[in-house]
Amino acid sequence: MTGSVTTTSTITCPRCGGCSTETMPTDACVFFYQCPHCQAMLQPRPGDCCVFCSYGDVRCPPKQTGDGAGCCEVPGHE
């Protein structure tokens, strides 16, 4: 792996199909994302750590680098 991390991802809303390119944080995960097209509040699908891993065309930076084990855990969420 080259160590290069992509920090932008295009999220596709499962409700309306609208697409928006967003910048991903490299030090945190995004658990909630409001679609700018239909205002739907997106959350990660079961088994995914964040909305980028669920609905984006590029996975989150921790998953890209292979450091995703235990990343993005929701406190108190089991």
PDB file of N, CA and C in Angstrom:
ATOM      1  N   MET A   1       0.844  -1.175   0.000  1.00  0.00           N
ATOM      2  CA  MET A   1       0.000   0.000   0.000  1.00  0.00           C
ATOM      3  C   MET A   1       0.891   1.241   0.000  1.00  0.00           C
ATOM      4  N   THR A   2       0.490   2.264  -0.725  1.00  0.00           N
ATOM      5  CA  THR A   2       1.309   3.453  -0.882  1.00  0.00           C
ATOM      6  C   THR A   2       1.171   4.428   0.276  1.00  0.00           C
ATOM      7  N   GLY A   3       0.157   4.252   1.116  1.00  0.00           N
ATOM      8  CA  GLY A   3      -0.037   5.176   2.221  1.00  0.00           C
ATOM      9  C   GLY A   3      -0.886   6.365   1.821  1.00  0.00           C
ATOM     10  N   SER A   4      -1.273   6.436   0.571  1.00  0.00           N
ATOM     11  CA  SER A   4      -2.109   7.523   0.092  1.00  0.00           C
ATOM     12  C   SER A   4      -3.546   7.300   0.537  1.00  0.00           C
ATOM     13  N   VAL A   5      -4.149   8.341   1.082  1.00  0.00           N
ATOM     14  CA  VAL A   5      -5.522   8.262   1.561  1.00  0.00           C
ATOM     15  C   VAL A   5      -6.370   9.277   0.808  1.00  0.00           C
ATOM     16  N   THR A   6      -7.485   8.819   0.282  1.00  0.00           N
ATOM     17  CA  THR A   6      -8.439   9.709  -0.377  1.00  0.00           C
ATOM     18  C   THR A   6      -9.336  10.299   0.695  1.00  0.00           C
ATOM     19  N   THR A   7      -9.491  11.609   0.694  1.00  0.00           N
ATOM     20  CA  THR A   7     -10.291  12.255   1.737  1.00  0.00           C
ATOM     21  C   THR A   7     -11.612  12.816   1.227  1.00  0.00           C
ATOM     22  N   THR A   8     -11.957  12.504  -0.012  1.00  0.00           N
ATOM     23  CA  THR A   8     -13.277  12.895  -0.504  1.00  0.00           C
ATOM     24  C   THR A   8     -14.026  11.644  -0.951  1.00  0.00           C
ATOM     25  N   SER A   9     -15.320  11.689  -0.773  1.00  0.00           N
ATOM     26  CA  SER A   9     -16.176  10.572  -1.147  1.00  0.00           C
ATOM     27  C   SER A   9     -17.512  11.135  -1.610  1.00  0.00           C
ATOM     28  N   THR A  10     -18.090  10.507  -2.599  1.00  0.00           N
ATOM     29  CA  THR A  10     -19.407  10.917  -3.062  1.00  0.00           C
ATOM     30  C   THR A  10     -20.444  10.009  -2.417  1.00  0.00           C
ATOM     31  N   ILE A  11     -21.295  10.620  -1.593  1.00  0.00           N
ATOM     32  CA  ILE A  11     -22.360   9.893  -0.910  1.00  0.00           C
ATOM     33  C   ILE A  11     -23.591   9.892  -1.801  1.00  0.00           C
ATOM     34  N   THR A  12     -24.186   8.709  -1.968  1.00  0.00           N
ATOM     35  CA  THR A  12     -25.433   8.575  -2.716  1.00  0.00           C
ATOM     36  C   THR A  12     -26.543   8.236  -1.733  1.00  0.00           C
ATOM     37  N   CYS A  13     -27.554   9.078  -1.665  1.00  0.00           N
ATOM     38  CA  CYS A  13     -28.668   8.878  -0.749  1.00  0.00           C
ATOM     39  C   CYS A  13     -29.511   7.693  -1.212  1.00  0.00           C
ATOM     40  N   PRO A  14     -29.761   6.727  -0.305  1.00  0.00           N
ATOM     41  CA  PRO A  14     -30.573   5.576  -0.698  1.00  0.00           C
ATOM     42  C   PRO A  14     -32.055   5.932  -0.848  1.00  0.00           C
ATOM     43  N   ARG A  15     -32.450   7.064  -0.313  1.00  0.00           N
ATOM     44  CA  ARG A  15     -33.859   7.473  -0.385  1.00  0.00           C
ATOM     45  C   ARG A  15     -34.195   8.171  -1.713  1.00  0.00           C
ATOM     46  N   CYS A  16     -33.373   9.181  -2.085  1.00  0.00           N
ATOM     47  CA  CYS A  16     -33.711   9.965  -3.277  1.00  0.00           C
ATOM     48  C   CYS A  16     -32.737   9.763  -4.435  1.00  0.00           C
ATOM     49  N   GLY A  17     -31.585   9.127  -4.168  1.00  0.00           N
ATOM     50  CA  GLY A  17     -30.597   8.911  -5.216  1.00  0.00           C
ATOM     51  C   GLY A  17     -29.696  10.104  -5.472  1.00  0.00           C
ATOM     52  N   GLY A  18     -29.885  11.182  -4.697  1.00  0.00           N
ATOM     53  CA  GLY A  18     -29.047  12.367  -4.852  1.00  0.00           C
ATOM     54  C   GLY A  18     -27.612  12.078  -4.441  1.00  0.00           C
ATOM     55  N   CYS A  19     -26.669  12.710  -5.125  1.00  0.00           N
ATOM     56  CA  CYS A  19     -25.243  12.513  -4.844  1.00  0.00           C
ATOM     57  C   CYS A  19     -24.611  13.821  -4.412  1.00  0.00           C
ATOM     58  N   SER A  20     -23.725  13.729  -3.415  1.00  0.00           N
ATOM     59  CA  SER A  20     -22.982  14.887  -2.935  1.00  0.00           C
ATOM     60  C   SER A  20     -21.567  14.454  -2.598  1.00  0.00           C
ATOM     61  N   THR A  21     -20.591  15.223  -3.070  1.00  0.00           N
ATOM     62  CA  THR A  21     -19.203  14.935  -2.755  1.00  0.00           C
ATOM     63  C   THR A  21     -18.847  15.668  -1.470  1.00  0.00           C
ATOM     64  N   GLU A  22     -18.323  14.917  -0.508  1.00  0.00           N
ATOM     65  CA  GLU A  22     -18.018  15.444   0.823  1.00  0.00           C
ATOM     66  C   GLU A  22     -16.575  15.138   1.191  1.00  0.00           C
ATOM     67  N   THR A  23     -16.028  15.950   2.068  1.00  0.00           N
ATOM     68  CA  THR A  23     -14.691  15.719   2.609  1.00  0.00           C
ATOM     69  C   THR A  23     -14.816  14.869   3.866  1.00  0.00           C
ATOM     70  N   MET A  24     -14.042  13.805   3.926  1.00  0.00           N
ATOM     71  CA  MET A  24     -14.074  12.915   5.084  1.00  0.00           C
ATOM     72  C   MET A  24     -13.040  13.362   6.112  1.00  0.00           C
ATOM     73  N   PRO A  25     -13.411  13.382   7.385  1.00  0.00           N
ATOM     74  CA  PRO A  25     -12.397  13.652   8.403  1.00  0.00           C
ATOM     75  C   PRO A  25     -11.432  12.468   8.493  1.00  0.00           C
ATOM     76  N   THR A  26     -10.184  12.753   8.799  1.00  0.00           N
ATOM     77  CA  THR A  26      -9.201  11.671   8.916  1.00  0.00           C
ATOM     78  C   THR A  26      -9.068  11.177  10.347  1.00  0.00           C
ATOM     79  N   ASP A  27      -9.648  11.903  11.298  1.00  0.00           N
ATOM     80  CA  ASP A  27      -9.483  11.558  12.709  1.00  0.00           C
ATOM     81  C   ASP A  27     -10.801  11.282  13.425  1.00  0.00           C
ATOM     82  N   ALA A  28     -11.889  11.157  12.679  1.00  0.00           N
ATOM     83  CA  ALA A  28     -13.198  10.889  13.279  1.00  0.00           C
ATOM     84  C   ALA A  28     -14.084  10.244  12.228  1.00  0.00           C
ATOM     85  N   CYS A  29     -15.150   9.602  12.698  1.00  0.00           N
ATOM     86  CA  CYS A  29     -16.115   9.010  11.788  1.00  0.00           C
ATOM     87  C   CYS A  29     -17.402   9.815  11.800  1.00  0.00           C
ATOM     88  N   VAL A  30     -18.123   9.736  10.712  1.00  0.00           N
ATOM     89  CA  VAL A  30     -19.383  10.457  10.578  1.00  0.00           C
ATOM     90  C   VAL A  30     -20.511   9.437  10.716  1.00  0.00           C
ATOM     91  N   PHE A  31     -21.246   9.529  11.822  1.00  0.00           N
ATOM     92  CA  PHE A  31     -22.324   8.588  12.097  1.00  0.00           C
ATOM     93  C   PHE A  31     -23.650   9.058  11.523  1.00  0.00           C
ATOM     94  N   PHE A  32     -23.814  10.369  11.364  1.00  0.00           N
ATOM     95  CA  PHE A  32     -25.059  10.923  10.846  1.00  0.00           C
ATOM     96  C   PHE A  32     -24.738  11.881   9.711  1.00  0.00           C
ATOM     97  N   TYR A  33     -25.560  11.824   8.670  1.00  0.00           N
ATOM     98  CA  TYR A  33     -25.376  12.699   7.518  1.00  0.00           C
ATOM     99  C   TYR A  33     -26.753  13.044   6.981  1.00  0.00           C
ATOM    100  N   GLN A  34     -27.026  14.335   6.845  1.00  0.00           N
ATOM    101  CA  GLN A  34     -28.315  14.759   6.307  1.00  0.00           C
ATOM    102  C   GLN A  34     -28.172  15.024   4.813  1.00  0.00           C
ATOM    103  N   CYS A  35     -28.969  14.322   4.027  1.00  0.00           N
ATOM    104  CA  CYS A  35     -28.938  14.487   2.581  1.00  0.00           C
ATOM    105  C   CYS A  35     -29.355  15.915   2.236  1.00  0.00           C
ATOM    106  N   PRO A  36     -28.531  16.621   1.479  1.00  0.00           N
ATOM    107  CA  PRO A  36     -28.885  17.993   1.120  1.00  0.00           C
ATOM    108  C   PRO A  36     -30.002  18.077   0.082  1.00  0.00           C
ATOM    109  N   HIS A  37     -30.348  16.944  -0.505  1.00  0.00           N
ATOM    110  CA  HIS A  37     -31.377  16.927  -1.547  1.00  0.00           C
ATOM    111  C   HIS A  37     -32.774  16.675  -0.988  1.00  0.00           C
ATOM    112  N   CYS A  38     -32.910  15.676  -0.095  1.00  0.00           N
ATOM    113  CA  CYS A  38     -34.231  15.322   0.429  1.00  0.00           C
ATOM    114  C   CYS A  38     -34.339  15.453   1.947  1.00  0.00           C
ATOM    115  N   GLN A  39     -33.234  15.834   2.598  1.00  0.00           N
ATOM    116  CA  GLN A  39     -33.159  16.032   4.052  1.00  0.00           C
ATOM    117  C   GLN A  39     -33.227  14.734   4.864  1.00  0.00           C
ATOM    118  N   ALA A  40     -33.147  13.575   4.227  1.00  0.00           N
ATOM    119  CA  ALA A  40     -33.136  12.307   4.962  1.00  0.00           C
ATOM    120  C   ALA A  40     -31.884  12.253   5.836  1.00  0.00           C
ATOM    121  N   MET A  41     -32.032  11.726   7.043  1.00  0.00           N
ATOM    122  CA  MET A  41     -30.903  11.566   7.953  1.00  0.00           C
ATOM    123  C   MET A  41     -30.360  10.152   7.786  1.00  0.00           C
ATOM    124  N   LEU A  42     -29.148  10.049   7.240  1.00  0.00           N
ATOM    125  CA  LEU A  42     -28.535   8.749   7.001  1.00  0.00           C
ATOM    126  C   LEU A  42     -27.698   8.328   8.194  1.00  0.00           C
ATOM    127  N   GLN A  43     -27.696   7.037   8.463  1.00  0.00           N
ATOM    128  CA  GLN A  43     -26.864   6.430   9.494  1.00  0.00           C
ATOM    129  C   GLN A  43     -26.181   5.224   8.869  1.00  0.00           C
ATOM    130  N   PRO A  44     -25.072   4.773   9.442  1.00  0.00           N
ATOM    131  CA  PRO A  44     -24.384   3.609   8.872  1.00  0.00           C
ATOM    132  C   PRO A  44     -25.285   2.374   8.852  1.00  0.00           C
ATOM    133  N   ARG A  45     -25.128   1.565   7.817  1.00  0.00           N
ATOM    134  CA  ARG A  45     -25.831   0.285   7.769  1.00  0.00           C
ATOM    135  C   ARG A  45     -25.188  -0.654   8.778  1.00  0.00           C
ATOM    136  N   PRO A  46     -25.934  -1.656   9.251  1.00  0.00           N
ATOM    137  CA  PRO A  46     -25.353  -2.625  10.192  1.00  0.00           C
ATOM    138  C   PRO A  46     -24.065  -3.227   9.623  1.00  0.00           C
ATOM    139  N   GLY A  47     -23.030  -3.235  10.439  1.00  0.00           N
ATOM    140  CA  GLY A  47     -21.737  -3.777  10.027  1.00  0.00           C
ATOM    141  C   GLY A  47     -20.777  -2.749   9.477  1.00  0.00           C
ATOM    142  N   ASP A  48     -21.278  -1.559   9.139  1.00  0.00           N
ATOM    143  CA  ASP A  48     -20.405  -0.488   8.658  1.00  0.00           C
ATOM    144  C   ASP A  48     -20.125   0.483   9.794  1.00  0.00           C
ATOM    145  N   CYS A  49     -18.975   1.129   9.720  1.00  0.00           N
ATOM    146  CA  CYS A  49     -18.569   2.012  10.812  1.00  0.00           C
ATOM    147  C   CYS A  49     -19.057   3.441  10.648  1.00  0.00           C
ATOM    148  N   CYS A  50     -19.379   3.858   9.418  1.00  0.00           N
ATOM    149  CA  CYS A  50     -19.762   5.252   9.205  1.00  0.00           C
ATOM    150  C   CYS A  50     -20.567   5.387   7.915  1.00  0.00           C
ATOM    151  N   VAL A  51     -21.121   6.564   7.681  1.00  0.00           N
ATOM    152  CA  VAL A  51     -21.942   6.784   6.486  1.00  0.00           C
ATOM    153  C   VAL A  51     -21.118   6.691   5.207  1.00  0.00           C
ATOM    154  N   PHE A  52     -19.839   7.018   5.260  1.00  0.00           N
ATOM    155  CA  PHE A  52     -19.001   6.907   4.062  1.00  0.00           C
ATOM    156  C   PHE A  52     -18.821   5.448   3.657  1.00  0.00           C
ATOM    157  N   CYS A  53     -18.665   4.562   4.629  1.00  0.00           N
ATOM    158  CA  CYS A  53     -18.525   3.137   4.327  1.00  0.00           C
ATOM    159  C   CYS A  53     -19.842   2.549   3.814  1.00  0.00           C
ATOM    160  N   SER A  54     -20.963   3.117   4.240  1.00  0.00           N
ATOM    161  CA  SER A  54     -22.267   2.608   3.804  1.00  0.00           C
ATOM    162  C   SER A  54     -22.724   3.176   2.468  1.00  0.00           C
ATOM    163  N   TYR A  55     -22.557   4.477   2.267  1.00  0.00           N
ATOM    164  CA  TYR A  55     -23.173   5.147   1.122  1.00  0.00           C
ATOM    165  C   TYR A  55     -22.191   5.872   0.210  1.00  0.00           C
ATOM    166  N   GLY A  56     -20.917   5.891   0.569  1.00  0.00           N
ATOM    167  CA  GLY A  56     -19.925   6.594  -0.228  1.00  0.00           C
ATOM    168  C   GLY A  56     -19.265   5.721  -1.272  1.00  0.00           C
ATOM    169  N   ASP A  57     -18.657   6.360  -2.254  1.00  0.00           N
ATOM    170  CA  ASP A  57     -17.924   5.610  -3.271  1.00  0.00           C
ATOM    171  C   ASP A  57     -16.488   5.326  -2.841  1.00  0.00           C
ATOM    172  N   VAL A  58     -16.066   5.913  -1.712  1.00  0.00           N
ATOM    173  CA  VAL A  58     -14.747   5.659  -1.124  1.00  0.00           C
ATOM    174  C   VAL A  58     -14.962   5.407   0.365  1.00  0.00           C
ATOM    175  N   ARG A  59     -14.351   4.362   0.886  1.00  0.00           N
ATOM    176  CA  ARG A  59     -14.476   4.053   2.316  1.00  0.00           C
ATOM    177  C   ARG A  59     -13.705   5.071   3.149  1.00  0.00           C
ATOM    178  N   CYS A  60     -13.987   5.115   4.441  1.00  0.00           N
ATOM    179  CA  CYS A  60     -13.367   6.092   5.339  1.00  0.00           C
ATOM    180  C   CYS A  60     -11.851   5.888   5.430  1.00  0.00           C
ATOM    181  N   PRO A  61     -11.106   6.943   5.788  1.00  0.00           N
ATOM    182  CA  PRO A  61      -9.641   6.826   5.870  1.00  0.00           C
ATOM    183  C   PRO A  61      -9.128   5.672   6.725  1.00  0.00           C
ATOM    184  N   PRO A  62      -9.694   5.388   7.934  1.00  0.00           N
ATOM    185  CA  PRO A  62      -9.165   4.244   8.687  1.00  0.00           C
ATOM    186  C   PRO A  62      -9.306   2.918   7.933  1.00  0.00           C
ATOM    187  N   LYS A  63     -10.387   2.743   7.195  1.00  0.00           N
ATOM    188  CA  LYS A  63     -10.568   1.505   6.425  1.00  0.00           C
ATOM    189  C   LYS A  63      -9.632   1.477   5.222  1.00  0.00           C
ATOM    190  N   GLN A  64      -9.359   2.627   4.625  1.00  0.00           N
ATOM    191  CA  GLN A  64      -8.441   2.683   3.482  1.00  0.00           C
ATOM    192  C   GLN A  64      -7.028   2.266   3.868  1.00  0.00           C
ATOM    193  N   THR A  65      -6.605   2.670   5.070  1.00  0.00           N
ATOM    194  CA  THR A  65      -5.233   2.392   5.496  1.00  0.00           C
ATOM    195  C   THR A  65      -5.081   1.040   6.181  1.00  0.00           C
ATOM    196  N   GLY A  66      -6.207   0.371   6.416  1.00  0.00           N
ATOM    197  CA  GLY A  66      -6.143  -0.919   7.096  1.00  0.00           C
ATOM    198  C   GLY A  66      -6.142  -0.798   8.601  1.00  0.00           C
ATOM    199  N   ASP A  67      -6.311   0.422   9.104  1.00  0.00           N
ATOM    200  CA  ASP A  67      -6.349   0.646  10.546  1.00  0.00           C
ATOM    201  C   ASP A  67      -7.784   0.661  11.058  1.00  0.00           C
ATOM    202  N   GLY A  68      -8.683   0.016  10.344  1.00  0.00           N
ATOM    203  CA  GLY A  68     -10.098   0.102  10.657  1.00  0.00           C
ATOM    204  C   GLY A  68     -10.588  -0.816  11.760  1.00  0.00           C
ATOM    205  N   ALA A  69      -9.756  -1.687  12.290  1.00  0.00           N
ATOM    206  CA  ALA A  69     -10.208  -2.574  13.350  1.00  0.00           C
ATOM    207  C   ALA A  69     -10.581  -1.764  14.575  1.00  0.00           C
ATOM    208  N   GLY A  70     -11.857  -1.805  14.907  1.00  0.00           N
ATOM    209  CA  GLY A  70     -12.333  -1.072  16.078  1.00  0.00           C
ATOM    210  C   GLY A  70     -12.498   0.411  15.846  1.00  0.00           C
ATOM    211  N   CYS A  71     -12.289   0.855  14.616  1.00  0.00           N
ATOM    212  CA  CYS A  71     -12.443   2.279  14.354  1.00  0.00           C
ATOM    213  C   CYS A  71     -13.907   2.672  14.458  1.00  0.00           C
ATOM    214  N   CYS A  72     -14.118   3.888  14.751  1.00  0.00           N
ATOM    215  CA  CYS A  72     -15.441   4.486  14.631  1.00  0.00           C
ATOM    216  C   CYS A  72     -16.497   3.821  15.486  1.00  0.00           C
ATOM    217  N   GLU A  73     -16.155   3.292  16.620  1.00  0.00           N
ATOM    218  CA  GLU A  73     -17.162   2.635  17.456  1.00  0.00           C
ATOM    219  C   GLU A  73     -18.014   3.678  18.139  1.00  0.00           C
ATOM    220  N   VAL A  74     -19.317   3.404  18.189  1.00  0.00           N
ATOM    221  CA  VAL A  74     -20.255   4.297  18.847  1.00  0.00           C
ATOM    222  C   VAL A  74     -20.235   3.995  20.338  1.00  0.00           C
ATOM    223  N   PRO A  75     -19.883   4.987  21.190  1.00  0.00           N
ATOM    224  CA  PRO A  75     -19.871   4.739  22.627  1.00  0.00           C
ATOM    225  C   PRO A  75     -21.251   4.304  23.124  1.00  0.00           C
ATOM    226  N   GLY A  76     -21.292   3.209  23.896  1.00  0.00           N
ATOM    227  CA  GLY A  76     -22.534   2.745  24.456  1.00  0.00           C
ATOM    228  C   GLY A  76     -23.425   2.015  23.471  1.00  0.00           C
ATOM    229  N   HIS A  77     -22.951   1.795  22.250  1.00  0.00           N
ATOM    230  CA  HIS A  77     -23.740   1.108  21.236  1.00  0.00           C
ATOM    231  C   HIS A  77     -23.168  -0.280  21.025  1.00  0.00           C
ATOM    232  N   GLU A  78     -23.978  -1.295  21.270  1.00  0.00           N
ATOM    233  CA  GLU A  78     -23.466  -2.660  21.146  1.00  0.00           C
ATOM    234  C   GLU A  78     -24.143  -3.399  20.046  1.00  0.00           C
TER     235      GLU A  78
END
